[in-house]
Amino acid sequence: MANITAAMVKELREMTGAGMMDCKKALGETDGDMDAAVEFLRKNGQAKAEKKAGRIAAEGLCKVIVKEDKVAAVVEVNSETDFVAKNDEFQSFVAAVAEQAVETDSTDMDAFMAEPWKNDTSKTVKDALVEKIARIGENLNIRRFEKVVAENGFVVSYVHGGGRIGVIVEAETDVVNDAVKEAMTNLAMQVAALSPKYVSTDDVSEEYKAHEKEILMAQIANDPKMAGKPEKVIEGAVTGRLNKELKEVCLLEQVYVKAEDGKQTVAQYVAQVAKENNAKLFVKKFVRFETGEGIEKKVDDFAAEVAAQAGM
């Protein structure tokens, strides 16, 4: 077997744009034959995939899988275009990634990507992704996943917009029936619609509160109506504004969207459902993924591009 040197790996990487470990493997598989190694990478999709890695993948889908009401996983897989996101092959791949996630013991993306691919254990999850990139012809990215296991209750899910938003809600309860499940599904819909950050005010860190107070203090300092007000009044105003903000970002403090009187909070709704079903019922956790959230999308301006090239 040929001695695979760092220089050989570097040369192959420069020729193909493939990853370093992929190049090393290709050279090992082809006994150091550079041309054969290039062909190996092309056949396995790595060279083609790596050339697309610079493209922004901000479209795609979120997918949720629930197993026996006890275990759930949500994944986000990105594509470059909405057209591919609607492609049957892409959607099947996202479903397979979600199935992988609901079975995984991994807690981070690196470990997840290195796992044997459930549909073909001779490959890793990363290998399966690279092959799919080669087949579909766009940069794809398994961006994130989260798995939720209910120890003392159940999980429900909700998917909005055909996969634009995926939500999991974990309930802790001693009663599991259709009415309680329906209530938690209603809350999953609320999470999708109003995008809270926390379950309750108890979950809000002091660091977050301090940061928000700092912003509110700056806002009040620039408010002519508050000029010259006593410190006690200013502190009261800050506290009032902060409490109002927390009601918007904490699920249990939000007004329940289906409330008939338009006033009932989510916490009051949960208490009502618990009483009606003689249950101890708590919202323990929720997870909300939105496709492309936080990704800066590239906006192509064809007219500007032409003008720039023409020196206009």
C-alpha atoms as a PDB file:
ATOM      1  CA  MET A   1       0.000   0.000   0.000  1.00  0.00           C
ATOM      2  CA  ALA A   2       1.308   3.454  -0.917  1.00  0.00           C
ATOM      3  CA  ASN A   3       2.478   5.830   1.783  1.00  0.00           C
ATOM      4  CA  ILE A   4      -0.098   8.634   1.859  1.00  0.00           C
ATOM      5  CA  THR A   5       1.683  11.885   2.668  1.00  0.00           C
ATOM      6  CA  ALA A   6       0.329  15.233   3.808  1.00  0.00           C
ATOM      7  CA  ALA A   7       1.530  16.757   0.549  1.00  0.00           C
ATOM      8  CA  MET A   8      -0.567  14.265  -1.445  1.00  0.00           C
ATOM      9  CA  VAL A   9      -3.642  15.055   0.638  1.00  0.00           C
ATOM     10  CA  LYS A  10      -3.044  18.793   0.164  1.00  0.00           C
ATOM     11  CA  GLU A  11      -2.651  18.383  -3.604  1.00  0.00           C
ATOM     12  CA  LEU A  12      -5.852  16.370  -3.934  1.00  0.00           C
ATOM     13  CA  ARG A  13      -7.741  18.856  -1.816  1.00  0.00           C
ATOM     14  CA  GLU A  14      -6.593  21.731  -4.019  1.00  0.00           C
ATOM     15  CA  MET A  15      -7.604  19.791  -7.134  1.00  0.00           C
ATOM     16  CA  THR A  16     -11.086  18.866  -5.936  1.00  0.00           C
ATOM     17  CA  GLY A  17     -12.051  21.202  -3.112  1.00  0.00           C
ATOM     18  CA  ALA A  18     -13.030  18.130  -1.056  1.00  0.00           C
ATOM     19  CA  GLY A  19     -12.476  17.866   2.706  1.00  0.00           C
ATOM     20  CA  MET A  20      -9.119  16.799   4.089  1.00  0.00           C
ATOM     21  CA  MET A  21     -10.372  13.541   5.622  1.00  0.00           C
ATOM     22  CA  ASP A  22     -12.309  12.731   2.442  1.00  0.00           C
ATOM     23  CA  CYS A  23      -9.098  13.238   0.409  1.00  0.00           C
ATOM     24  CA  LYS A  24      -7.084  11.048   2.763  1.00  0.00           C
ATOM     25  CA  LYS A  25      -9.692   8.294   2.519  1.00  0.00           C
ATOM     26  CA  ALA A  26      -9.816   8.565  -1.285  1.00  0.00           C
ATOM     27  CA  LEU A  27      -6.036   8.211  -1.567  1.00  0.00           C
ATOM     28  CA  GLY A  28      -6.103   5.229   0.760  1.00  0.00           C
ATOM     29  CA  GLU A  29      -8.837   3.546  -1.242  1.00  0.00           C
ATOM     30  CA  THR A  30      -6.962   4.071  -4.530  1.00  0.00           C
ATOM     31  CA  ASP A  31      -3.463   3.203  -3.264  1.00  0.00           C
ATOM     32  CA  GLY A  32      -2.219   6.755  -3.751  1.00  0.00           C
ATOM     33  CA  ASP A  33      -3.263   7.060  -7.405  1.00  0.00           C
ATOM     34  CA  MET A  34      -4.128  10.759  -7.755  1.00  0.00           C
ATOM     35  CA  ASP A  35      -6.324  10.428 -10.863  1.00  0.00           C
ATOM     36  CA  ALA A  36      -8.169   7.477  -9.382  1.00  0.00           C
ATOM     37  CA  ALA A  37      -8.615   9.404  -6.125  1.00  0.00           C
ATOM     38  CA  VAL A  38     -10.185  12.319  -8.021  1.00  0.00           C
ATOM     39  CA  GLU A  39     -12.542   9.883  -9.706  1.00  0.00           C
ATOM     40  CA  PHE A  40     -13.297   8.277  -6.332  1.00  0.00           C
ATOM     41  CA  LEU A  41     -14.292  11.658  -4.873  1.00  0.00           C
ATOM     42  CA  ARG A  42     -16.413  12.520  -7.884  1.00  0.00           C
ATOM     43  CA  LYS A  43     -18.236   9.183  -7.762  1.00  0.00           C
ATOM     44  CA  ASN A  44     -18.918   9.603  -4.050  1.00  0.00           C
ATOM     45  CA  GLY A  45     -20.051  13.179  -4.447  1.00  0.00           C
ATOM     46  CA  GLN A  46     -17.513  14.847  -2.168  1.00  0.00           C
ATOM     47  CA  ALA A  47     -15.820  16.959  -4.816  1.00  0.00           C
ATOM     48  CA  LYS A  48     -19.094  18.198  -6.234  1.00  0.00           C
ATOM     49  CA  ALA A  49     -20.555  18.808  -2.791  1.00  0.00           C
ATOM     50  CA  GLU A  50     -17.606  20.764  -1.460  1.00  0.00           C
ATOM     51  CA  LYS A  51     -17.711  23.171  -4.418  1.00  0.00           C
ATOM     52  CA  LYS A  52     -21.250  24.058  -3.412  1.00  0.00           C
ATOM     53  CA  ALA A  53     -20.424  24.560   0.251  1.00  0.00           C
ATOM     54  CA  GLY A  54     -19.985  28.322  -0.143  1.00  0.00           C
ATOM     55  CA  ARG A  55     -23.551  28.826  -1.282  1.00  0.00           C
ATOM     56  CA  ILE A  56     -26.050  30.037   1.304  1.00  0.00           C
ATOM     57  CA  ALA A  57     -28.632  27.407   2.245  1.00  0.00           C
ATOM     58  CA  ALA A  58     -31.426  29.338   3.959  1.00  0.00           C
ATOM     59  CA  GLU A  59     -34.533  27.610   2.601  1.00  0.00           C
ATOM     60  CA  GLY A  60     -35.555  24.080   3.507  1.00  0.00           C
ATOM     61  CA  LEU A  61     -37.786  22.297   5.983  1.00  0.00           C
ATOM     62  CA  CYS A  62     -38.351  21.559   9.641  1.00  0.00           C
ATOM     63  CA  LYS A  63     -39.596  18.061  10.409  1.00  0.00           C
ATOM     64  CA  VAL A  64     -40.907  16.602  13.681  1.00  0.00           C
ATOM     65  CA  ILE A  65     -41.127  12.898  14.552  1.00  0.00           C
ATOM     66  CA  VAL A  66     -42.992  11.638  17.646  1.00  0.00           C
ATOM     67  CA  LYS A  67     -42.647   8.090  18.966  1.00  0.00           C
ATOM     68  CA  GLU A  68     -45.343   6.664  21.239  1.00  0.00           C
ATOM     69  CA  ASP A  69     -46.122  10.096  22.727  1.00  0.00           C
ATOM     70  CA  LYS A  70     -42.938   9.852  24.796  1.00  0.00           C
ATOM     71  CA  VAL A  71     -40.053  10.794  22.505  1.00  0.00           C
ATOM     72  CA  ALA A  72     -39.896  13.498  19.863  1.00  0.00           C
ATOM     73  CA  ALA A  73     -37.260  15.099  17.689  1.00  0.00           C
ATOM     74  CA  VAL A  74     -37.295  18.173  15.469  1.00  0.00           C
ATOM     75  CA  VAL A  75     -34.728  18.824  12.752  1.00  0.00           C
ATOM     76  CA  GLU A  76     -33.987  21.664  10.357  1.00  0.00           C
ATOM     77  CA  VAL A  77     -32.455  20.791   6.997  1.00  0.00           C
ATOM     78  CA  ASN A  78     -31.647  23.656   4.661  1.00  0.00           C
ATOM     79  CA  SER A  79     -31.508  23.980   0.884  1.00  0.00           C
ATOM     80  CA  GLU A  80     -30.550  26.902  -1.331  1.00  0.00           C
ATOM     81  CA  THR A  81     -33.957  27.292  -2.958  1.00  0.00           C
ATOM     82  CA  ASP A  82     -37.600  26.870  -2.060  1.00  0.00           C
ATOM     83  CA  PHE A  83     -37.974  24.839  -5.265  1.00  0.00           C
ATOM     84  CA  VAL A  84     -35.718  22.093  -3.875  1.00  0.00           C
ATOM     85  CA  ALA A  85     -37.448  22.309  -0.478  1.00  0.00           C
ATOM     86  CA  LYS A  86     -40.631  21.179  -2.249  1.00  0.00           C
ATOM     87  CA  ASN A  87     -38.836  18.327  -4.018  1.00  0.00           C
ATOM     88  CA  ASP A  88     -40.003  14.822  -2.993  1.00  0.00           C
ATOM     89  CA  GLU A  89     -36.443  13.493  -2.753  1.00  0.00           C
ATOM     90  CA  PHE A  90     -35.389  16.341  -0.456  1.00  0.00           C
ATOM     91  CA  GLN A  91     -38.481  15.900   1.717  1.00  0.00           C
ATOM     92  CA  SER A  92     -37.822  12.159   2.029  1.00  0.00           C
ATOM     93  CA  PHE A  93     -34.251  12.910   3.081  1.00  0.00           C
ATOM     94  CA  VAL A  94     -35.437  15.380   5.743  1.00  0.00           C
ATOM     95  CA  ALA A  95     -37.847  12.741   7.060  1.00  0.00           C
ATOM     96  CA  ALA A  96     -34.971  10.251   7.249  1.00  0.00           C
ATOM     97  CA  VAL A  97     -32.843  12.767   9.152  1.00  0.00           C
ATOM     98  CA  ALA A  98     -35.715  13.259  11.621  1.00  0.00           C
ATOM     99  CA  GLU A  99     -35.999   9.485  12.072  1.00  0.00           C
ATOM    100  CA  GLN A 100     -32.258   9.429  12.765  1.00  0.00           C
ATOM    101  CA  ALA A 101     -32.620  12.226  15.328  1.00  0.00           C
ATOM    102  CA  VAL A 102     -35.449  10.580  17.260  1.00  0.00           C
ATOM    103  CA  GLU A 103     -33.265   7.478  17.760  1.00  0.00           C
ATOM    104  CA  THR A 104     -29.964   9.254  18.444  1.00  0.00           C
ATOM    105  CA  ASP A 105     -28.041   9.452  21.692  1.00  0.00           C
ATOM    106  CA  SER A 106     -25.924  12.309  20.357  1.00  0.00           C
ATOM    107  CA  THR A 107     -26.256  15.716  21.965  1.00  0.00           C
ATOM    108  CA  ASP A 108     -24.356  17.861  19.455  1.00  0.00           C
ATOM    109  CA  MET A 109     -24.115  18.195  15.688  1.00  0.00           C
ATOM    110  CA  ASP A 110     -20.562  16.865  15.343  1.00  0.00           C
ATOM    111  CA  ALA A 111     -21.463  13.594  17.052  1.00  0.00           C
ATOM    112  CA  PHE A 112     -24.729  13.356  15.142  1.00  0.00           C
ATOM    113  CA  MET A 113     -23.040  13.840  11.759  1.00  0.00           C
ATOM    114  CA  ALA A 114     -20.474  11.133  12.608  1.00  0.00           C
ATOM    115  CA  GLU A 115     -23.125   8.524  13.470  1.00  0.00           C
ATOM    116  CA  PRO A 116     -23.791   5.528  11.213  1.00  0.00           C
ATOM    117  CA  TRP A 117     -26.621   6.455   8.839  1.00  0.00           C
ATOM    118  CA  LYS A 118     -29.724   4.532   9.904  1.00  0.00           C
ATOM    119  CA  ASN A 119     -30.693   3.663   6.323  1.00  0.00           C
ATOM    120  CA  ASP A 120     -27.199   2.364   5.449  1.00  0.00           C
ATOM    121  CA  THR A 121     -24.828   1.812   8.364  1.00  0.00           C
ATOM    122  CA  SER A 122     -21.809   1.617   6.043  1.00  0.00           C
ATOM    123  CA  LYS A 123     -22.151   5.412   5.767  1.00  0.00           C
ATOM    124  CA  THR A 124     -22.239   8.226   8.284  1.00  0.00           C
ATOM    125  CA  VAL A 125     -24.948  10.889   8.428  1.00  0.00           C
ATOM    126  CA  LYS A 126     -22.430  13.260   6.832  1.00  0.00           C
ATOM    127  CA  ASP A 127     -21.790  10.778   4.005  1.00  0.00           C
ATOM    128  CA  ALA A 128     -25.528  10.554   3.347  1.00  0.00           C
ATOM    129  CA  LEU A 129     -25.750  14.346   3.241  1.00  0.00           C
ATOM    130  CA  VAL A 130     -22.835  14.621   0.803  1.00  0.00           C
ATOM    131  CA  GLU A 131     -24.424  12.045  -1.506  1.00  0.00           C
ATOM    132  CA  LYS A 132     -27.736  13.905  -1.413  1.00  0.00           C
ATOM    133  CA  ILE A 133     -25.984  17.182  -2.297  1.00  0.00           C
ATOM    134  CA  ALA A 134     -24.453  15.468  -5.317  1.00  0.00           C
ATOM    135  CA  ARG A 135     -27.803  14.037  -6.425  1.00  0.00           C
ATOM    136  CA  ILE A 136     -29.889  17.172  -5.934  1.00  0.00           C
ATOM    137  CA  GLY A 137     -27.226  19.613  -7.122  1.00  0.00           C
ATOM    138  CA  GLU A 138     -27.646  22.243  -4.411  1.00  0.00           C
ATOM    139  CA  ASN A 139     -25.824  22.964  -1.180  1.00  0.00           C
ATOM    140  CA  LEU A 140     -27.771  21.297   1.638  1.00  0.00           C
ATOM    141  CA  ASN A 141     -27.164  21.563   5.358  1.00  0.00           C
ATOM    142  CA  ILE A 142     -28.388  19.593   8.362  1.00  0.00           C
ATOM    143  CA  ARG A 143     -28.400  22.670  10.539  1.00  0.00           C
ATOM    144  CA  ARG A 144     -29.740  21.518  13.904  1.00  0.00           C
ATOM    145  CA  PHE A 145     -31.785  18.966  15.811  1.00  0.00           C
ATOM    146  CA  GLU A 146     -33.250  18.580  19.268  1.00  0.00           C
ATOM    147  CA  LYS A 147     -34.620  15.478  20.937  1.00  0.00           C
ATOM    148  CA  VAL A 148     -37.136  15.609  23.798  1.00  0.00           C
ATOM    149  CA  VAL A 149     -37.911  12.653  26.069  1.00  0.00           C
ATOM    150  CA  ALA A 150     -40.924  12.881  28.394  1.00  0.00           C
ATOM    151  CA  GLU A 151     -40.178  11.166  31.699  1.00  0.00           C
ATOM    152  CA  ASN A 152     -43.472  11.888  33.475  1.00  0.00           C
ATOM    153  CA  GLY A 153     -45.983  12.812  30.808  1.00  0.00           C
ATOM    154  CA  PHE A 154     -46.046  13.060  27.036  1.00  0.00           C
ATOM    155  CA  VAL A 155     -44.970  15.125  24.041  1.00  0.00           C
ATOM    156  CA  VAL A 156     -47.019  16.666  21.235  1.00  0.00           C
ATOM    157  CA  SER A 157     -45.959  18.332  18.017  1.00  0.00           C
ATOM    158  CA  TYR A 158     -47.195  20.898  15.555  1.00  0.00           C
ATOM    159  CA  VAL A 159     -45.857  21.753  12.110  1.00  0.00           C
ATOM    160  CA  HIS A 160     -46.869  24.987  10.427  1.00  0.00           C
ATOM    161  CA  GLY A 161     -46.628  26.130   6.830  1.00  0.00           C
ATOM    162  CA  GLY A 162     -45.756  22.729   5.396  1.00  0.00           C
ATOM    163  CA  GLY A 163     -42.570  22.564   7.437  1.00  0.00           C
ATOM    164  CA  ARG A 164     -41.706  26.247   7.832  1.00  0.00           C
ATOM    165  CA  ILE A 165     -42.033  25.943  11.617  1.00  0.00           C
ATOM    166  CA  GLY A 166     -41.727  22.818  13.778  1.00  0.00           C
ATOM    167  CA  VAL A 167     -42.739  22.731  17.456  1.00  0.00           C
ATOM    168  CA  ILE A 168     -42.528  20.196  20.278  1.00  0.00           C
ATOM    169  CA  VAL A 169     -44.258  20.678  23.646  1.00  0.00           C
ATOM    170  CA  GLU A 170     -43.480  18.436  26.619  1.00  0.00           C
ATOM    171  CA  ALA A 171     -46.186  18.100  29.268  1.00  0.00           C
ATOM    172  CA  GLU A 172     -45.664  16.733  32.773  1.00  0.00           C
ATOM    173  CA  THR A 173     -48.910  15.175  33.981  1.00  0.00           C
ATOM    174  CA  ASP A 174     -50.522  12.254  35.807  1.00  0.00           C
ATOM    175  CA  VAL A 175     -53.449  12.135  33.358  1.00  0.00           C
ATOM    176  CA  VAL A 176     -53.027  11.457  29.652  1.00  0.00           C
ATOM    177  CA  ASN A 177     -56.246  11.615  27.650  1.00  0.00           C
ATOM    178  CA  ASP A 178     -57.524  13.198  24.451  1.00  0.00           C
ATOM    179  CA  ALA A 179     -58.608  16.411  26.167  1.00  0.00           C
ATOM    180  CA  VAL A 180     -55.224  16.986  27.784  1.00  0.00           C
ATOM    181  CA  LYS A 181     -53.403  16.129  24.555  1.00  0.00           C
ATOM    182  CA  GLU A 182     -55.623  18.537  22.608  1.00  0.00           C
ATOM    183  CA  ALA A 183     -54.816  21.301  25.105  1.00  0.00           C
ATOM    184  CA  MET A 184     -51.082  20.781  24.691  1.00  0.00           C
ATOM    185  CA  THR A 185     -51.462  20.735  20.893  1.00  0.00           C
ATOM    186  CA  ASN A 186     -53.245  24.081  21.188  1.00  0.00           C
ATOM    187  CA  LEU A 187     -50.216  25.383  23.079  1.00  0.00           C
ATOM    188  CA  ALA A 188     -47.892  24.035  20.393  1.00  0.00           C
ATOM    189  CA  MET A 189     -49.868  26.107  17.890  1.00  0.00           C
ATOM    190  CA  GLN A 190     -49.501  29.134  20.189  1.00  0.00           C
ATOM    191  CA  VAL A 191     -45.734  28.607  20.352  1.00  0.00           C
ATOM    192  CA  ALA A 192     -45.606  28.481  16.545  1.00  0.00           C
ATOM    193  CA  ALA A 193     -47.650  31.670  16.191  1.00  0.00           C
ATOM    194  CA  LEU A 194     -46.262  33.890  18.971  1.00  0.00           C
ATOM    195  CA  SER A 195     -42.711  32.548  19.302  1.00  0.00           C
ATOM    196  CA  PRO A 196     -42.172  32.787  23.081  1.00  0.00           C
ATOM    197  CA  LYS A 197     -38.613  32.405  24.377  1.00  0.00           C
ATOM    198  CA  TYR A 198     -39.350  30.828  27.775  1.00  0.00           C
ATOM    199  CA  VAL A 199     -41.997  28.655  29.428  1.00  0.00           C
ATOM    200  CA  SER A 200     -42.402  30.966  32.436  1.00  0.00           C
ATOM    201  CA  THR A 201     -40.779  33.924  34.150  1.00  0.00           C
ATOM    202  CA  ASP A 202     -38.996  31.437  36.440  1.00  0.00           C
ATOM    203  CA  ASP A 203     -36.936  30.347  33.423  1.00  0.00           C
ATOM    204  CA  VAL A 204     -35.732  33.843  32.567  1.00  0.00           C
ATOM    205  CA  SER A 205     -32.104  34.347  33.561  1.00  0.00           C
ATOM    206  CA  GLU A 206     -31.032  37.283  35.679  1.00  0.00           C
ATOM    207  CA  GLU A 207     -28.570  38.101  32.905  1.00  0.00           C
ATOM    208  CA  TYR A 208     -31.444  38.529  30.416  1.00  0.00           C
ATOM    209  CA  LYS A 209     -33.391  40.699  32.861  1.00  0.00           C
ATOM    210  CA  ALA A 210     -30.341  42.871  33.579  1.00  0.00           C
ATOM    211  CA  HIS A 211     -29.701  43.339  29.871  1.00  0.00           C
ATOM    212  CA  GLU A 212     -33.305  44.319  29.178  1.00  0.00           C
ATOM    213  CA  LYS A 213     -33.326  46.697  32.165  1.00  0.00           C
ATOM    214  CA  GLU A 214     -30.244  48.387  30.777  1.00  0.00           C
ATOM    215  CA  ILE A 215     -31.999  48.929  27.447  1.00  0.00           C
ATOM    216  CA  LEU A 216     -35.159  50.211  29.136  1.00  0.00           C
ATOM    217  CA  MET A 217     -33.147  52.623  31.305  1.00  0.00           C
ATOM    218  CA  ALA A 218     -31.543  54.034  28.148  1.00  0.00           C
ATOM    219  CA  GLN A 219     -34.955  54.418  26.526  1.00  0.00           C
ATOM    220  CA  ILE A 220     -36.325  56.261  29.551  1.00  0.00           C
ATOM    221  CA  ALA A 221     -33.265  58.502  29.716  1.00  0.00           C
ATOM    222  CA  ASN A 222     -34.112  59.652  26.192  1.00  0.00           C
ATOM    223  CA  ASP A 223     -37.809  60.115  26.932  1.00  0.00           C
ATOM    224  CA  PRO A 224     -38.599  63.840  27.466  1.00  0.00           C
ATOM    225  CA  LYS A 225     -41.694  62.896  29.496  1.00  0.00           C
ATOM    226  CA  MET A 226     -39.494  61.189  32.105  1.00  0.00           C
ATOM    227  CA  ALA A 227     -36.994  64.044  32.418  1.00  0.00           C
ATOM    228  CA  GLY A 228     -36.534  65.160  36.015  1.00  0.00           C
ATOM    229  CA  LYS A 229     -38.676  62.349  37.455  1.00  0.00           C
ATOM    230  CA  PRO A 230     -37.617  60.928  40.848  1.00  0.00           C
ATOM    231  CA  GLU A 231     -35.454  57.790  40.795  1.00  0.00           C
ATOM    232  CA  LYS A 232     -38.253  55.784  42.411  1.00  0.00           C
ATOM    233  CA  VAL A 233     -40.622  56.703  39.592  1.00  0.00           C
ATOM    234  CA  ILE A 234     -38.046  55.769  36.954  1.00  0.00           C
ATOM    235  CA  GLU A 235     -37.391  52.407  38.633  1.00  0.00           C
ATOM    236  CA  GLY A 236     -41.117  51.750  38.721  1.00  0.00           C
ATOM    237  CA  ALA A 237     -41.422  52.550  35.034  1.00  0.00           C
ATOM    238  CA  VAL A 238     -38.547  50.201  34.194  1.00  0.00           C
ATOM    239  CA  THR A 239     -40.074  47.397  36.256  1.00  0.00           C
ATOM    240  CA  GLY A 240     -43.459  47.915  34.627  1.00  0.00           C
ATOM    241  CA  ARG A 241     -42.059  47.832  31.110  1.00  0.00           C
ATOM    242  CA  LEU A 242     -39.932  44.778  31.902  1.00  0.00           C
ATOM    243  CA  ASN A 243     -42.925  42.887  33.290  1.00  0.00           C
ATOM    244  CA  LYS A 244     -44.902  43.751  30.169  1.00  0.00           C
ATOM    245  CA  GLU A 245     -42.090  42.433  27.980  1.00  0.00           C
ATOM    246  CA  LEU A 246     -41.829  39.210  30.005  1.00  0.00           C
ATOM    247  CA  LYS A 247     -45.530  38.599  29.436  1.00  0.00           C
ATOM    248  CA  GLU A 248     -44.795  38.616  25.715  1.00  0.00           C
ATOM    249  CA  VAL A 249     -41.761  36.310  25.775  1.00  0.00           C
ATOM    250  CA  CYS A 250     -42.964  33.789  28.413  1.00  0.00           C
ATOM    251  CA  LEU A 251     -45.513  31.254  27.168  1.00  0.00           C
ATOM    252  CA  LEU A 252     -47.502  30.917  30.403  1.00  0.00           C
ATOM    253  CA  GLU A 253     -47.793  34.703  30.733  1.00  0.00           C
ATOM    254  CA  GLN A 254     -49.091  35.222  27.199  1.00  0.00           C
ATOM    255  CA  VAL A 255     -52.804  35.687  26.532  1.00  0.00           C
ATOM    256  CA  TYR A 256     -54.129  32.352  25.258  1.00  0.00           C
ATOM    257  CA  VAL A 257     -54.880  32.900  21.548  1.00  0.00           C
ATOM    258  CA  LYS A 258     -58.129  30.911  21.687  1.00  0.00           C
ATOM    259  CA  ALA A 259     -59.401  32.609  24.850  1.00  0.00           C
ATOM    260  CA  GLU A 260     -63.048  33.553  24.379  1.00  0.00           C
ATOM    261  CA  ASP A 261     -62.733  36.636  26.575  1.00  0.00           C
ATOM    262  CA  GLY A 262     -59.406  37.667  25.066  1.00  0.00           C
ATOM    263  CA  LYS A 263     -57.930  37.889  28.575  1.00  0.00           C
ATOM    264  CA  GLN A 264     -57.266  34.345  29.787  1.00  0.00           C
ATOM    265  CA  THR A 265     -53.546  33.635  30.059  1.00  0.00           C
ATOM    266  CA  VAL A 266     -51.955  30.362  28.994  1.00  0.00           C
ATOM    267  CA  ALA A 267     -51.277  29.578  32.667  1.00  0.00           C
ATOM    268  CA  GLN A 268     -54.979  30.032  33.448  1.00  0.00           C
ATOM    269  CA  TYR A 269     -55.922  27.869  30.469  1.00  0.00           C
ATOM    270  CA  VAL A 270     -53.597  25.068  31.647  1.00  0.00           C
ATOM    271  CA  ALA A 271     -55.074  25.308  35.170  1.00  0.00           C
ATOM    272  CA  GLN A 272     -58.590  25.116  33.707  1.00  0.00           C
ATOM    273  CA  VAL A 273     -57.758  21.989  31.683  1.00  0.00           C
ATOM    274  CA  ALA A 274     -56.106  20.407  34.728  1.00  0.00           C
ATOM    275  CA  LYS A 275     -59.186  21.056  36.870  1.00  0.00           C
ATOM    276  CA  GLU A 276     -61.589  19.745  34.224  1.00  0.00           C
ATOM    277  CA  ASN A 277     -59.603  16.511  33.920  1.00  0.00           C
ATOM    278  CA  ASN A 278     -58.699  16.140  37.614  1.00  0.00           C
ATOM    279  CA  ALA A 279     -55.047  16.219  36.637  1.00  0.00           C
ATOM    280  CA  LYS A 280     -51.742  17.651  37.708  1.00  0.00           C
ATOM    281  CA  LEU A 281     -50.609  19.346  34.507  1.00  0.00           C
ATOM    282  CA  PHE A 282     -47.527  21.413  33.774  1.00  0.00           C
ATOM    283  CA  VAL A 283     -45.794  22.648  30.632  1.00  0.00           C
ATOM    284  CA  LYS A 284     -42.252  21.434  31.182  1.00  0.00           C
ATOM    285  CA  LYS A 285     -40.567  22.442  27.933  1.00  0.00           C
ATOM    286  CA  PHE A 286     -41.067  23.539  24.351  1.00  0.00           C
ATOM    287  CA  VAL A 287     -38.819  23.616  21.283  1.00  0.00           C
ATOM    288  CA  ARG A 288     -39.501  25.845  18.292  1.00  0.00           C
ATOM    289  CA  PHE A 289     -37.525  25.692  15.028  1.00  0.00           C
ATOM    290  CA  GLU A 290     -38.194  28.079  12.159  1.00  0.00           C
ATOM    291  CA  THR A 291     -36.576  27.427   8.796  1.00  0.00           C
ATOM    292  CA  GLY A 292     -33.771  29.844   7.997  1.00  0.00           C
ATOM    293  CA  GLU A 293     -34.060  31.574  11.380  1.00  0.00           C
ATOM    294  CA  GLY A 294     -30.973  33.722  11.925  1.00  0.00           C
ATOM    295  CA  ILE A 295     -29.427  32.913   8.533  1.00  0.00           C
ATOM    296  CA  GLU A 296     -28.530  35.921   6.444  1.00  0.00           C
ATOM    297  CA  LYS A 297     -29.970  35.280   3.002  1.00  0.00           C
ATOM    298  CA  LYS A 298     -28.198  36.462  -0.101  1.00  0.00           C
ATOM    299  CA  VAL A 299     -30.362  38.808  -2.148  1.00  0.00           C
ATOM    300  CA  ASP A 300     -29.401  38.887  -5.804  1.00  0.00           C
ATOM    301  CA  ASP A 301     -29.879  42.219  -7.549  1.00  0.00           C
ATOM    302  CA  PHE A 302     -29.394  41.402 -11.235  1.00  0.00           C
ATOM    303  CA  ALA A 303     -29.668  45.017 -12.383  1.00  0.00           C
ATOM    304  CA  ALA A 304     -27.031  46.142  -9.878  1.00  0.00           C
ATOM    305  CA  GLU A 305     -24.762  43.276 -10.922  1.00  0.00           C
ATOM    306  CA  VAL A 306     -25.003  44.248 -14.607  1.00  0.00           C
ATOM    307  CA  ALA A 307     -24.395  47.901 -13.769  1.00  0.00           C
ATOM    308  CA  ALA A 308     -21.321  47.029 -11.709  1.00  0.00           C
ATOM    309  CA  GLN A 309     -19.851  44.887 -14.500  1.00  0.00           C
ATOM    310  CA  ALA A 310     -20.510  47.638 -17.049  1.00  0.00           C
ATOM    311  CA  GLY A 311     -18.845  50.222 -14.811  1.00  0.00           C
ATOM    312  CA  MET A 312     -22.055  52.199 -14.558  1.00  0.00           C
END
